Protein backbone atom coordinates (compact mmCIF):
# COMPACT_ATOMS: atom_id res chain seq x y z
CA MET A 1 -7.15 -18.51 -6.93
CA SER A 2 -4.03 -17.62 -8.89
CA ASP A 3 -0.53 -16.88 -7.63
CA TYR A 4 -0.99 -13.31 -8.86
CA SER A 5 -4.05 -12.84 -6.62
CA ILE A 6 -2.13 -14.04 -3.56
CA VAL A 7 0.87 -11.84 -4.34
CA LYS A 8 -1.42 -8.87 -4.95
CA PHE A 9 -3.03 -9.50 -1.55
CA LEU A 10 0.41 -9.54 0.08
CA HIS A 11 1.34 -6.34 -1.77
CA VAL A 12 -1.79 -4.53 -0.55
CA SER A 13 -1.27 -5.93 2.98
CA GLY A 14 2.25 -4.53 2.98
CA ALA A 15 0.94 -1.12 1.94
CA ILE A 16 -1.72 -1.20 4.67
CA GLY A 17 0.86 -2.23 7.27
CA TYR A 18 3.19 0.57 6.24
CA PHE A 19 0.40 3.14 6.43
CA VAL A 20 -0.59 1.87 9.90
CA ALA A 21 3.02 2.09 11.09
CA LEU A 22 3.42 5.53 9.57
CA GLY A 23 0.17 6.76 11.12
CA THR A 24 1.21 5.44 14.54
CA LEU A 25 4.61 7.10 14.09
CA LEU A 26 2.96 10.45 13.33
CA PHE A 27 0.77 10.06 16.41
CA GLY A 28 3.80 9.26 18.55
CA LEU A 29 5.82 12.18 17.17
CA ALA A 30 2.91 14.58 17.66
CA ALA A 31 2.58 13.40 21.26
CA LEU A 32 6.34 13.76 21.69
CA ARG A 33 6.08 17.43 20.70
CA ARG A 34 3.49 17.94 23.46
CA ALA A 35 5.47 16.11 26.13
CA ARG A 36 6.74 18.35 28.92
CA ARG A 37 8.31 15.79 31.24
CA VAL A 38 11.29 13.49 30.73
CA GLU A 39 9.40 10.35 31.79
CA HIS A 40 6.77 11.01 29.10
CA VAL A 41 9.48 11.28 26.47
CA ARG A 42 10.92 7.91 27.57
CA VAL A 43 7.55 6.19 27.11
CA LEU A 44 6.93 7.73 23.69
CA ALA A 45 10.46 7.00 22.50
CA ASP A 46 9.93 3.34 23.44
CA LEU A 47 6.61 3.26 21.55
CA ILE A 48 8.23 4.68 18.42
CA ARG A 49 11.12 2.22 18.69
CA ARG A 50 8.68 -0.72 18.78
CA LEU A 51 7.30 0.27 15.36
CA THR A 52 10.50 -0.82 13.61
CA PRO A 53 9.47 -4.50 13.08
CA LEU A 54 6.11 -3.45 11.58
CA PHE A 55 7.87 -1.04 9.22
CA ASN A 56 10.38 -3.72 8.17
CA ILE A 57 7.81 -6.47 7.57
CA SER A 58 5.48 -4.14 5.69
CA ILE A 59 8.13 -2.77 3.37
CA LEU A 60 9.47 -6.28 2.73
CA LEU A 61 6.00 -7.46 1.65
CA LEU A 62 5.41 -4.31 -0.37
CA LEU A 63 8.68 -4.50 -2.29
CA ALA A 64 8.90 -8.28 -2.73
CA ALA A 65 5.32 -8.62 -3.98
CA GLY A 66 5.66 -5.52 -6.14
CA LEU A 67 8.83 -6.79 -7.79
CA TYR A 68 7.27 -10.22 -8.34
CA MET A 69 4.28 -8.70 -10.14
CA THR A 70 6.58 -6.45 -12.14
CA PHE A 71 8.69 -9.38 -13.37
CA THR A 72 5.80 -11.78 -14.06
CA VAL A 73 2.95 -9.54 -15.28
CA TRP A 74 4.15 -6.02 -15.92
CA SER A 75 7.57 -4.66 -16.86
CA PHE A 76 10.09 -2.07 -15.72
CA GLN A 77 9.41 -0.42 -19.07
CA THR A 78 5.95 0.52 -17.76
CA GLY A 79 6.26 4.19 -16.82
CA TRP A 80 4.15 4.33 -13.66
CA ILE A 81 5.80 1.21 -12.23
CA ALA A 82 9.28 2.66 -12.68
CA VAL A 83 8.23 5.92 -11.01
CA ALA A 84 6.51 4.09 -8.13
CA LEU A 85 9.47 1.78 -7.46
CA VAL A 86 12.07 4.55 -7.62
CA SER A 87 9.95 6.69 -5.29
CA LEU A 88 9.53 3.83 -2.83
CA VAL A 89 13.21 2.93 -2.84
CA ILE A 90 14.08 6.57 -2.07
CA ILE A 91 11.34 7.20 0.53
CA VAL A 92 11.88 4.23 2.81
CA PRO A 93 15.61 4.50 3.69
CA VAL A 94 15.57 8.31 3.88
CA ALA A 95 12.55 8.33 6.21
CA ALA A 96 13.95 5.52 8.35
CA VAL A 97 17.42 7.00 8.76
CA THR A 98 16.10 10.52 9.40
CA VAL A 99 13.67 9.50 12.14
CA GLN A 100 15.68 6.70 13.74
CA SER A 101 18.89 8.72 14.06
CA ARG A 102 17.03 11.53 15.84
CA MET A 103 15.08 9.11 18.03
CA ARG A 104 18.30 7.47 19.23
CA VAL A 105 19.60 10.85 20.39
CA ILE A 106 16.32 11.67 22.14
CA ALA A 107 16.15 8.26 23.83
CA GLN A 108 19.74 8.66 25.03
CA LEU A 109 19.13 12.16 26.40
CA ALA A 110 15.91 11.05 28.10
CA SER A 111 17.61 8.06 29.72
CA GLU A 112 20.37 10.27 31.11
CA ALA A 113 18.10 13.09 32.32
CA PRO A 114 16.36 12.89 35.72
CA ASP A 115 12.58 12.76 35.96
CA GLY A 116 10.92 16.14 35.72
CA PRO A 117 10.54 19.00 33.22
CA LEU A 118 12.37 18.67 29.92
CA PRO A 119 15.87 20.18 29.74
CA SER A 120 16.25 22.77 27.00
CA GLU A 121 18.27 20.48 24.73
CA LEU A 122 15.74 17.66 24.96
CA LEU A 123 12.90 20.11 24.37
CA ALA A 124 14.59 21.41 21.22
CA ARG A 125 15.18 17.84 20.00
CA THR A 126 11.54 16.83 20.44
CA HIS A 127 10.48 19.91 18.47
CA ASP A 128 12.83 19.27 15.55
CA PRO A 129 10.69 20.19 12.49
CA VAL A 130 12.35 17.45 10.42
CA PHE A 131 10.74 14.91 12.75
CA LEU A 132 7.23 15.46 11.44
CA THR A 133 8.20 16.75 8.02
CA THR A 134 9.82 13.47 7.01
CA PRO A 135 6.89 11.11 7.79
CA LEU A 136 4.36 13.66 6.49
CA THR A 137 6.25 13.80 3.20
CA ALA A 138 6.52 10.01 3.15
CA MET A 139 2.76 9.76 3.72
CA ALA A 140 2.06 12.14 0.83
CA LEU A 141 4.43 10.24 -1.46
CA LEU A 142 2.90 6.89 -0.50
CA LEU A 143 -0.55 8.24 -1.31
CA GLY A 144 0.89 9.28 -4.65
CA ILE A 145 2.15 5.72 -5.19
CA VAL A 146 -1.30 4.34 -4.33
CA PHE A 147 -2.73 6.70 -6.97
CA LEU A 148 -0.28 5.30 -9.51
CA MET A 149 -1.15 1.71 -8.58
CA THR A 150 -4.89 2.27 -8.92
CA ASN A 151 -4.93 4.52 -11.99
CA LYS A 152 -1.86 3.31 -13.90
CA PRO A 153 -1.18 6.63 -15.63
CA THR A 154 1.36 7.46 -18.32
CA LEU A 155 4.97 8.23 -17.39
CA SER A 156 4.52 12.01 -17.57
CA VAL A 157 1.38 11.95 -15.41
CA ALA A 158 3.06 9.61 -12.92
CA ILE A 159 6.01 11.99 -12.55
CA LEU A 160 3.62 14.94 -12.14
CA VAL A 161 1.64 13.13 -9.44
CA MET A 162 4.76 12.30 -7.44
CA ALA A 163 6.07 15.87 -7.82
CA LEU A 164 2.79 17.24 -6.47
CA ALA A 165 2.87 14.73 -3.60
CA LEU A 166 6.42 15.83 -2.73
CA ILE A 167 5.41 19.50 -2.75
CA LEU A 168 2.39 18.75 -0.55
CA GLY A 169 4.53 16.83 1.95
CA LEU A 170 7.22 19.51 2.13
CA ALA A 171 4.60 22.28 2.43
CA SER A 172 3.13 20.52 5.45
CA GLY A 173 6.65 20.44 6.87
CA VAL A 174 6.95 24.22 6.53
CA LEU A 175 3.74 24.63 8.53
CA VAL A 176 5.12 22.26 11.18
CA ALA A 177 8.38 24.24 11.33
CA ARG A 178 6.50 27.48 11.98
CA SER A 179 4.34 26.02 14.73
CA THR A 180 7.41 24.32 16.21
CA HIS A 181 9.32 27.60 16.43
CA THR A 182 6.39 29.28 18.17
CA ALA A 183 5.89 26.39 20.59
CA VAL A 184 9.54 26.29 21.63
CA GLN A 185 9.55 30.05 22.17
CA ASP A 186 6.40 29.85 24.32
CA VAL A 187 7.82 27.07 26.48
CA ALA A 188 11.14 28.90 26.89
CA THR A 189 9.32 32.10 27.85
CA ASN A 190 7.17 30.30 30.41
CA ALA A 191 10.23 28.57 31.87
CA ALA A 192 12.05 31.91 32.17
CA ARG A 193 9.07 33.49 33.92
CA ALA A 194 8.80 30.57 36.30
CA SER A 195 12.51 30.85 37.08
CA GLU A 196 12.23 34.60 37.74
CA SER A 197 9.21 34.21 40.00
CA GLY A 198 10.96 31.42 41.86
CA GLY A 199 14.06 33.53 42.30
């Protein structure tokens, strides 16, 4: 068993770990959008917060092993490797900052709000379309990177693949934004009706 085989195993393990964390994040965010009580939001926010170590360990393995293989076997002059690394370096911090900054606000609002139905501000925050758009786009881009790793295309094909992955991820975000707008309107309408009937 060579050093390359071990590093390759670590690289693939990092990719698997990141996909697992990303899938769990998407599940948690989808559940957050369906939450209608403050206590449910608190539980889901805590679940999402606990994913941070898995994300960090996975991306560390993915990048460290990938760079090792690039320096020892491949080269930064290889087109698909350059595209994959640049994409990964852009995806990870943008996705992390976008989601974590919004989750901190939601966790703070949920901790301050009393148990019961979601206040309007917290409801709007949990239905922020950027919330699902970011990890969906990251998932599409990561699948694009996996395609590059397994097929090792030319530079032009690699760029085309990542461009298509970006379009696919953003298009899914548009669909999320539309459903989010409708959902928030429905909840607001139901709340107004309940308030009128109660009054």
